[in-house]
C-alpha atoms as a PDB file:
ATOM      1  CA  MET A   1      32.121 158.804  41.002  1.00  0.00           C
ATOM      2  CA  GLN A   2      28.634 158.865  39.684  1.00  0.00           C
ATOM      3  CA  SER A   3      27.089 160.642  36.836  1.00  0.00           C
ATOM      4  CA  GLY A   4      23.726 161.082  37.864  1.00  0.00           C
ATOM      5  CA  ASP A   5      20.744 159.587  36.247  1.00  0.00           C
ATOM      6  CA  ALA A   6      20.328 159.631  32.247  1.00  0.00           C
ATOM      7  CA  ARG A   7      18.002 162.404  32.387  1.00  0.00           C
ATOM      8  CA  GLU A   8      20.325 164.836  34.123  1.00  0.00           C
ATOM      9  CA  VAL A   9      23.187 163.957  32.167  1.00  0.00           C
ATOM     10  CA  GLN A  10      21.451 164.388  28.845  1.00  0.00           C
ATOM     11  CA  SER A  11      20.192 167.829  30.080  1.00  0.00           C
ATOM     12  CA  TYR A  12      23.737 168.923  30.904  1.00  0.00           C
ATOM     13  CA  LEU A  13      24.948 167.712  27.577  1.00  0.00           C
ATOM     14  CA  ASP A  14      22.268 169.370  25.766  1.00  0.00           C
ATOM     15  CA  GLU A  15      22.924 172.560  27.455  1.00  0.00           C
ATOM     16  CA  ARG A  16      26.573 172.553  26.494  1.00  0.00           C
ATOM     17  CA  GLY A  17      26.152 171.268  22.849  1.00  0.00           C
ATOM     18  CA  VAL A  18      27.698 167.890  23.393  1.00  0.00           C
ATOM     19  CA  ASN A  19      26.903 165.659  20.624  1.00  0.00           C
ATOM     20  CA  PHE A  20      29.295 162.668  21.108  1.00  0.00           C
ATOM     21  CA  PRO A  21      28.396 159.431  22.827  1.00  0.00           C
ATOM     22  CA  VAL A  22      28.570 159.346  26.547  1.00  0.00           C
ATOM     23  CA  ILE A  23      28.172 156.436  29.110  1.00  0.00           C
ATOM     24  CA  VAL A  24      25.672 156.906  31.922  1.00  0.00           C
ATOM     25  CA  ASP A  25      27.270 155.548  35.153  1.00  0.00           C
ATOM     26  CA  GLU A  26      24.445 156.246  37.465  1.00  0.00           C
ATOM     27  CA  TYR A  27      25.871 154.131  40.375  1.00  0.00           C
ATOM     28  CA  GLY A  28      29.700 154.299  39.791  1.00  0.00           C
ATOM     29  CA  LYS A  29      30.155 150.622  38.887  1.00  0.00           C
ATOM     30  CA  ILE A  30      31.708 151.413  35.314  1.00  0.00           C
ATOM     31  CA  ALA A  31      34.047 153.812  36.938  1.00  0.00           C
ATOM     32  CA  GLN A  32      34.977 151.369  39.723  1.00  0.00           C
ATOM     33  CA  ARG A  33      35.532 148.621  37.278  1.00  0.00           C
ATOM     34  CA  PHE A  34      37.996 150.741  35.040  1.00  0.00           C
ATOM     35  CA  GLY A  35      39.659 152.258  38.202  1.00  0.00           C
ATOM     36  CA  VAL A  36      38.358 155.795  37.453  1.00  0.00           C
ATOM     37  CA  SER A  37      39.042 158.039  40.490  1.00  0.00           C
ATOM     38  CA  ARG A  38      39.385 161.283  38.811  1.00  0.00           C
ATOM     39  CA  VAL A  39      37.872 163.058  35.967  1.00  0.00           C
ATOM     40  CA  PRO A  40      37.835 163.844  33.279  1.00  0.00           C
ATOM     41  CA  ALA A  41      39.007 160.413  32.186  1.00  0.00           C
ATOM     42  CA  SER A  42      38.899 159.339  28.444  1.00  0.00           C
ATOM     43  CA  PHE A  43      39.357 155.815  26.996  1.00  0.00           C
ATOM     44  CA  ILE A  44      40.028 155.021  23.388  1.00  0.00           C
ATOM     45  CA  ILE A  45      38.590 151.419  22.396  1.00  0.00           C
ATOM     46  CA  ASP A  46      40.224 149.922  19.336  1.00  0.00           C
ATOM     47  CA  PRO A  47      38.377 147.851  16.603  1.00  0.00           C
ATOM     48  CA  GLN A  48      38.886 144.715  18.518  1.00  0.00           C
ATOM     49  CA  GLY A  49      37.397 146.242  21.602  1.00  0.00           C
ATOM     50  CA  MET A  50      40.728 146.576  23.719  1.00  0.00           C
ATOM     51  CA  ILE A  51      41.619 149.662  25.384  1.00  0.00           C
ATOM     52  CA  ALA A  52      44.123 151.361  23.512  1.00  0.00           C
ATOM     53  CA  PHE A  53      44.807 154.588  25.416  1.00  0.00           C
ATOM     54  CA  THR A  54      43.679 155.877  28.524  1.00  0.00           C
ATOM     55  CA  GLU A  55      43.939 159.737  29.470  1.00  0.00           C
ATOM     56  CA  VAL A  56      43.340 161.164  32.964  1.00  0.00           C
ATOM     57  CA  GLY A  57      42.994 165.013  32.767  1.00  0.00           C
ATOM     58  CA  TYR A  58      42.111 167.422  29.864  1.00  0.00           C
ATOM     59  CA  THR A  59      43.495 166.651  26.507  1.00  0.00           C
ATOM     60  CA  SER A  60      43.359 169.038  23.363  1.00  0.00           C
ATOM     61  CA  ASN A  61      41.101 168.302  20.419  1.00  0.00           C
ATOM     62  CA  TRP A  62      44.272 167.267  18.481  1.00  0.00           C
ATOM     63  CA  GLY A  63      45.587 165.044  21.050  1.00  0.00           C
ATOM     64  CA  LEU A  64      42.209 163.173  21.241  1.00  0.00           C
ATOM     65  CA  ARG A  65      42.157 163.056  17.335  1.00  0.00           C
ATOM     66  CA  LEU A  66      45.582 161.584  17.251  1.00  0.00           C
ATOM     67  CA  ARG A  67      44.733 158.774  19.783  1.00  0.00           C
ATOM     68  CA  LEU A  68      41.579 157.957  17.836  1.00  0.00           C
ATOM     69  CA  TRP A  69      43.585 157.657  14.615  1.00  0.00           C
ATOM     70  CA  LEU A  70      46.331 155.511  16.214  1.00  0.00           C
ATOM     71  CA  ALA A  71      43.757 153.282  17.798  1.00  0.00           C
ATOM     72  CA  ASP A  72      42.367 152.549  14.478  1.00  0.00           C
ATOM     73  CA  LYS A  73      45.499 151.265  13.099  1.00  0.00           C
END
């Protein structure tokens, strides 16, 4: 799983109006470290820097917001 180089990723995001932070994993090292074998994959990091939730597959806007809210508790 590789995202491509930073320029390609930014172009893709700009075309689709995506304005949230995205990590560029040009060589797939982050995906390998976290065991990502399918996309989309989302990780919610809590205030202590720990993974609070992992989601593989699509999630709704409300589902993502709920996970973010719970991780902040």
